[in-house]
C-alpha atoms as a PDB file:
ATOM      1  CA  MET A   1      94.265  -1.623 -31.976  1.00  0.00           C
ATOM      2  CA  TRP A   2      91.466   0.801 -32.889  1.00  0.00           C
ATOM      3  CA  TRP A   3      89.144  -0.900 -30.414  1.00  0.00           C
ATOM      4  CA  ILE A   4      91.541  -0.105 -27.559  1.00  0.00           C
ATOM      5  CA  CYS A   5      91.316   3.601 -28.370  1.00  0.00           C
ATOM      6  CA  LEU A   6      87.558   3.358 -28.707  1.00  0.00           C
ATOM      7  CA  ARG A   7      87.215   1.527 -25.401  1.00  0.00           C
ATOM      8  CA  ALA A   8      89.559   3.973 -23.658  1.00  0.00           C
ATOM      9  CA  SER A   9      87.493   6.920 -24.865  1.00  0.00           C
ATOM     10  CA  PHE A  10      84.201   5.441 -23.639  1.00  0.00           C
ATOM     11  CA  PHE A  11      85.480   4.264 -20.262  1.00  0.00           C
ATOM     12  CA  PRO A  12      85.432   7.716 -18.554  1.00  0.00           C
ATOM     13  CA  VAL A  13      81.891   8.330 -19.838  1.00  0.00           C
ATOM     14  CA  PHE A  14      80.766   4.926 -18.588  1.00  0.00           C
ATOM     15  CA  VAL A  15      82.303   5.478 -15.143  1.00  0.00           C
ATOM     16  CA  SER A  16      80.687   8.928 -14.929  1.00  0.00           C
ATOM     17  CA  LEU A  17      77.268   7.466 -15.695  1.00  0.00           C
ATOM     18  CA  ILE A  18      77.662   4.759 -13.066  1.00  0.00           C
ATOM     19  CA  PHE A  19      78.780   7.326 -10.491  1.00  0.00           C
ATOM     20  CA  ALA A  20      75.887   9.666 -11.306  1.00  0.00           C
ATOM     21  CA  CYS A  21      73.340   6.867 -11.037  1.00  0.00           C
ATOM     22  CA  SER A  22      74.742   5.640  -7.747  1.00  0.00           C
ATOM     23  CA  GLN A  23      74.482   9.084  -6.185  1.00  0.00           C
ATOM     24  CA  GLY A  24      70.707   9.111  -6.491  1.00  0.00           C
ATOM     25  CA  GLU A  25      68.474  12.054  -5.877  1.00  0.00           C
ATOM     26  CA  LYS A  26      68.414  14.017  -2.697  1.00  0.00           C
ATOM     27  CA  THR A  27      65.330  13.017  -0.751  1.00  0.00           C
ATOM     28  CA  PHE A  28      63.308  14.865   1.848  1.00  0.00           C
ATOM     29  CA  PRO A  29      61.664  12.941   4.712  1.00  0.00           C
ATOM     30  CA  ILE A  30      58.448  14.978   4.750  1.00  0.00           C
ATOM     31  CA  ILE A  31      57.995  14.459   0.995  1.00  0.00           C
ATOM     32  CA  GLU A  32      58.785  10.753   1.307  1.00  0.00           C
ATOM     33  CA  GLN A  33      56.346  10.429   4.203  1.00  0.00           C
ATOM     34  CA  LYS A  34      53.413  12.427   2.848  1.00  0.00           C
ATOM     35  CA  CYS A  35      53.676  12.202  -0.937  1.00  0.00           C
ATOM     36  CA  GLY A  36      55.172   8.721  -0.974  1.00  0.00           C
ATOM     37  CA  LYS A  37      52.056   7.113   0.507  1.00  0.00           C
ATOM     38  CA  CYS A  38      50.100   7.301  -2.758  1.00  0.00           C
ATOM     39  CA  HIS A  39      52.835   7.401  -5.407  1.00  0.00           C
ATOM     40  CA  ARG A  40      56.602   7.330  -5.668  1.00  0.00           C
ATOM     41  CA  ALA A  41      58.007  10.436  -4.002  1.00  0.00           C
ATOM     42  CA  SER A  42      60.481  10.733  -6.877  1.00  0.00           C
ATOM     43  CA  VAL A  43      57.576  12.029  -8.996  1.00  0.00           C
ATOM     44  CA  VAL A  44      57.673  15.189  -6.890  1.00  0.00           C
ATOM     45  CA  TYR A  45      61.368  15.693  -7.560  1.00  0.00           C
ATOM     46  CA  GLN A  46      61.067  15.503 -11.337  1.00  0.00           C
ATOM     47  CA  LYS A  47      59.591  18.898 -12.143  1.00  0.00           C
ATOM     48  CA  ASP A  48      60.098  22.440 -10.899  1.00  0.00           C
ATOM     49  CA  ARG A  49      56.937  24.513 -10.534  1.00  0.00           C
ATOM     50  CA  THR A  50      55.964  28.009  -9.457  1.00  0.00           C
ATOM     51  CA  GLU A  51      54.847  28.508  -5.868  1.00  0.00           C
ATOM     52  CA  GLU A  52      51.240  28.851  -7.047  1.00  0.00           C
ATOM     53  CA  ASP A  53      51.521  25.621  -9.034  1.00  0.00           C
ATOM     54  CA  TRP A  54      52.835  23.783  -5.975  1.00  0.00           C
ATOM     55  CA  LYS A  55      49.933  25.142  -3.922  1.00  0.00           C
ATOM     56  CA  ARG A  56      47.500  23.844  -6.565  1.00  0.00           C
ATOM     57  CA  VAL A  57      49.195  20.446  -6.636  1.00  0.00           C
ATOM     58  CA  LEU A  58      49.093  20.192  -2.847  1.00  0.00           C
ATOM     59  CA  HIS A  59      45.442  21.251  -2.804  1.00  0.00           C
ATOM     60  CA  GLY A  60      44.653  18.620  -5.429  1.00  0.00           C
ATOM     61  CA  MET A  61      46.383  15.938  -3.383  1.00  0.00           C
ATOM     62  CA  LYS A  62      44.367  16.928  -0.320  1.00  0.00           C
ATOM     63  CA  MET A  63      41.196  16.636  -2.396  1.00  0.00           C
ATOM     64  CA  ARG A  64      42.296  13.098  -3.346  1.00  0.00           C
ATOM     65  CA  GLY A  65      42.762  12.087   0.286  1.00  0.00           C
ATOM     66  CA  LEU A  66      46.132  13.365   1.480  1.00  0.00           C
ATOM     67  CA  VAL A  67      45.976  13.666   5.262  1.00  0.00           C
ATOM     68  CA  ILE A  68      48.256  16.498   6.328  1.00  0.00           C
ATOM     69  CA  THR A  69      48.344  18.887   9.272  1.00  0.00           C
ATOM     70  CA  GLY A  70      48.801  22.617   8.840  1.00  0.00           C
ATOM     71  CA  GLN A  71      52.377  22.372  10.131  1.00  0.00           C
ATOM     72  CA  GLU A  72      53.196  19.483   7.783  1.00  0.00           C
ATOM     73  CA  GLU A  73      51.751  21.435   4.873  1.00  0.00           C
ATOM     74  CA  LYS A  74      54.030  24.362   5.719  1.00  0.00           C
ATOM     75  CA  GLU A  75      57.020  21.984   5.846  1.00  0.00           C
ATOM     76  CA  VAL A  76      56.103  20.458   2.479  1.00  0.00           C
ATOM     77  CA  MET A  77      55.708  23.887   0.884  1.00  0.00           C
ATOM     78  CA  LYS A  78      59.027  25.000   2.353  1.00  0.00           C
ATOM     79  CA  VAL A  79      60.830  21.997   0.842  1.00  0.00           C
ATOM     80  CA  LEU A  80      59.109  22.472  -2.504  1.00  0.00           C
ATOM     81  CA  THR A  81      59.759  26.198  -2.778  1.00  0.00           C
ATOM     82  CA  GLU A  82      63.362  25.948  -1.564  1.00  0.00           C
ATOM     83  CA  ASN A  83      64.288  23.034  -3.802  1.00  0.00           C
ATOM     84  CA  PHE A  84      61.830  22.710  -6.696  1.00  0.00           C
ATOM     85  CA  LEU A  85      60.774  26.248  -7.483  1.00  0.00           C
ATOM     86  CA  LEU A  86      60.576  27.147 -11.145  1.00  0.00           C
ATOM     87  CA  LYS A  87      62.933  30.028 -11.865  1.00  0.00           C
ATOM     88  CA  ASN A  88      61.312  32.518 -14.224  1.00  0.00           C
END
Protein backbone atom coordinates (compact mmCIF):
# COMPACT_ATOMS: atom_id res chain seq x y z
CA MET A 1 0.00 0.00 0.00
CA TRP A 2 2.89 2.41 0.62
CA TRP A 3 3.74 2.40 -3.08
CA ILE A 4 0.26 3.72 -3.92
CA CYS A 5 0.84 6.74 -1.69
CA LEU A 6 4.30 7.22 -3.14
CA ARG A 7 3.01 6.99 -6.70
CA ALA A 8 0.11 9.34 -5.94
CA SER A 9 2.50 11.94 -4.54
CA PHE A 10 4.80 11.84 -7.58
CA PHE A 11 2.05 11.86 -10.20
CA PRO A 12 1.27 15.63 -9.98
CA VAL A 13 4.99 16.44 -10.21
CA PHE A 14 5.37 14.16 -13.23
CA VAL A 15 2.37 15.69 -15.00
CA SER A 16 3.68 19.20 -14.28
CA LEU A 17 7.04 18.35 -15.82
CA ILE A 18 5.44 16.91 -18.94
CA PHE A 19 3.21 19.97 -19.29
CA ALA A 20 6.14 22.37 -18.83
CA CYS A 21 8.24 20.55 -21.40
CA SER A 22 5.43 20.46 -23.93
CA GLN A 23 4.90 24.21 -23.69
CA GLY A 24 8.36 24.94 -25.05
CA GLU A 25 10.02 28.30 -25.14
CA LYS A 26 8.54 31.33 -26.75
CA THR A 27 10.30 31.90 -30.04
CA PHE A 28 10.82 35.03 -32.09
CA PRO A 29 10.89 34.83 -35.91
CA ILE A 30 13.68 37.37 -36.38
CA ILE A 31 15.89 35.50 -33.88
CA GLU A 32 15.05 32.16 -35.48
CA GLN A 33 15.80 33.57 -38.93
CA LYS A 34 19.02 35.45 -38.22
CA CYS A 35 20.61 33.68 -35.26
CA GLY A 36 19.32 30.24 -36.18
CA LYS A 37 21.34 30.09 -39.40
CA CYS A 38 24.63 29.38 -37.60
CA HIS A 39 23.50 27.81 -34.32
CA ARG A 40 20.33 26.81 -32.54
CA ALA A 41 18.29 29.93 -31.82
CA SER A 42 17.51 28.49 -28.38
CA VAL A 43 21.07 29.44 -27.38
CA VAL A 44 19.97 33.07 -27.54
CA TYR A 45 17.05 32.44 -25.21
CA GLN A 46 19.13 30.82 -22.47
CA LYS A 47 20.81 33.85 -20.93
CA ASP A 48 19.76 37.38 -20.06
CA ARG A 49 22.35 40.07 -20.75
CA THR A 50 22.68 43.83 -20.41
CA GLU A 51 21.93 45.95 -23.46
CA GLU A 52 25.66 46.59 -23.93
CA ASP A 53 26.38 42.86 -23.73
CA TRP A 54 23.75 42.15 -26.40
CA LYS A 55 25.31 44.82 -28.62
CA ARG A 56 28.71 43.15 -28.19
CA VAL A 57 27.27 39.73 -28.96
CA LEU A 58 25.53 41.04 -32.08
CA HIS A 59 28.71 42.80 -33.19
CA GLY A 60 30.67 39.59 -32.68
CA MET A 61 28.17 37.64 -34.76
CA LYS A 62 28.46 40.19 -37.56
CA MET A 63 32.24 39.80 -37.43
CA ARG A 64 31.74 36.03 -37.84
CA GLY A 65 29.58 36.48 -40.93
CA LEU A 66 26.05 37.35 -39.84
CA VAL A 67 24.37 39.16 -42.72
CA ILE A 68 21.85 41.60 -41.28
CA THR A 69 20.36 44.89 -42.45
CA GLY A 70 20.16 47.93 -40.21
CA GLN A 71 16.40 47.44 -39.80
CA GLU A 72 16.82 43.75 -38.94
CA GLU A 73 19.48 44.64 -36.39
CA LYS A 74 17.07 47.08 -34.74
CA GLU A 75 14.40 44.35 -34.65
CA VAL A 76 16.82 41.85 -33.11
CA MET A 77 17.93 44.35 -30.47
CA LYS A 78 14.31 45.20 -29.69
CA VAL A 79 13.47 41.52 -29.11
CA LEU A 80 16.59 40.99 -27.02
CA THR A 81 16.14 44.05 -24.83
CA GLU A 82 12.40 43.52 -24.34
CA ASN A 83 12.67 39.82 -23.53
CA PHE A 84 16.22 38.92 -22.48
CA LEU A 85 17.52 41.99 -20.70
CA LEU A 86 19.45 41.37 -17.52
CA LYS A 87 17.73 43.12 -14.63
CA ASN A 88 20.28 44.75 -12.35
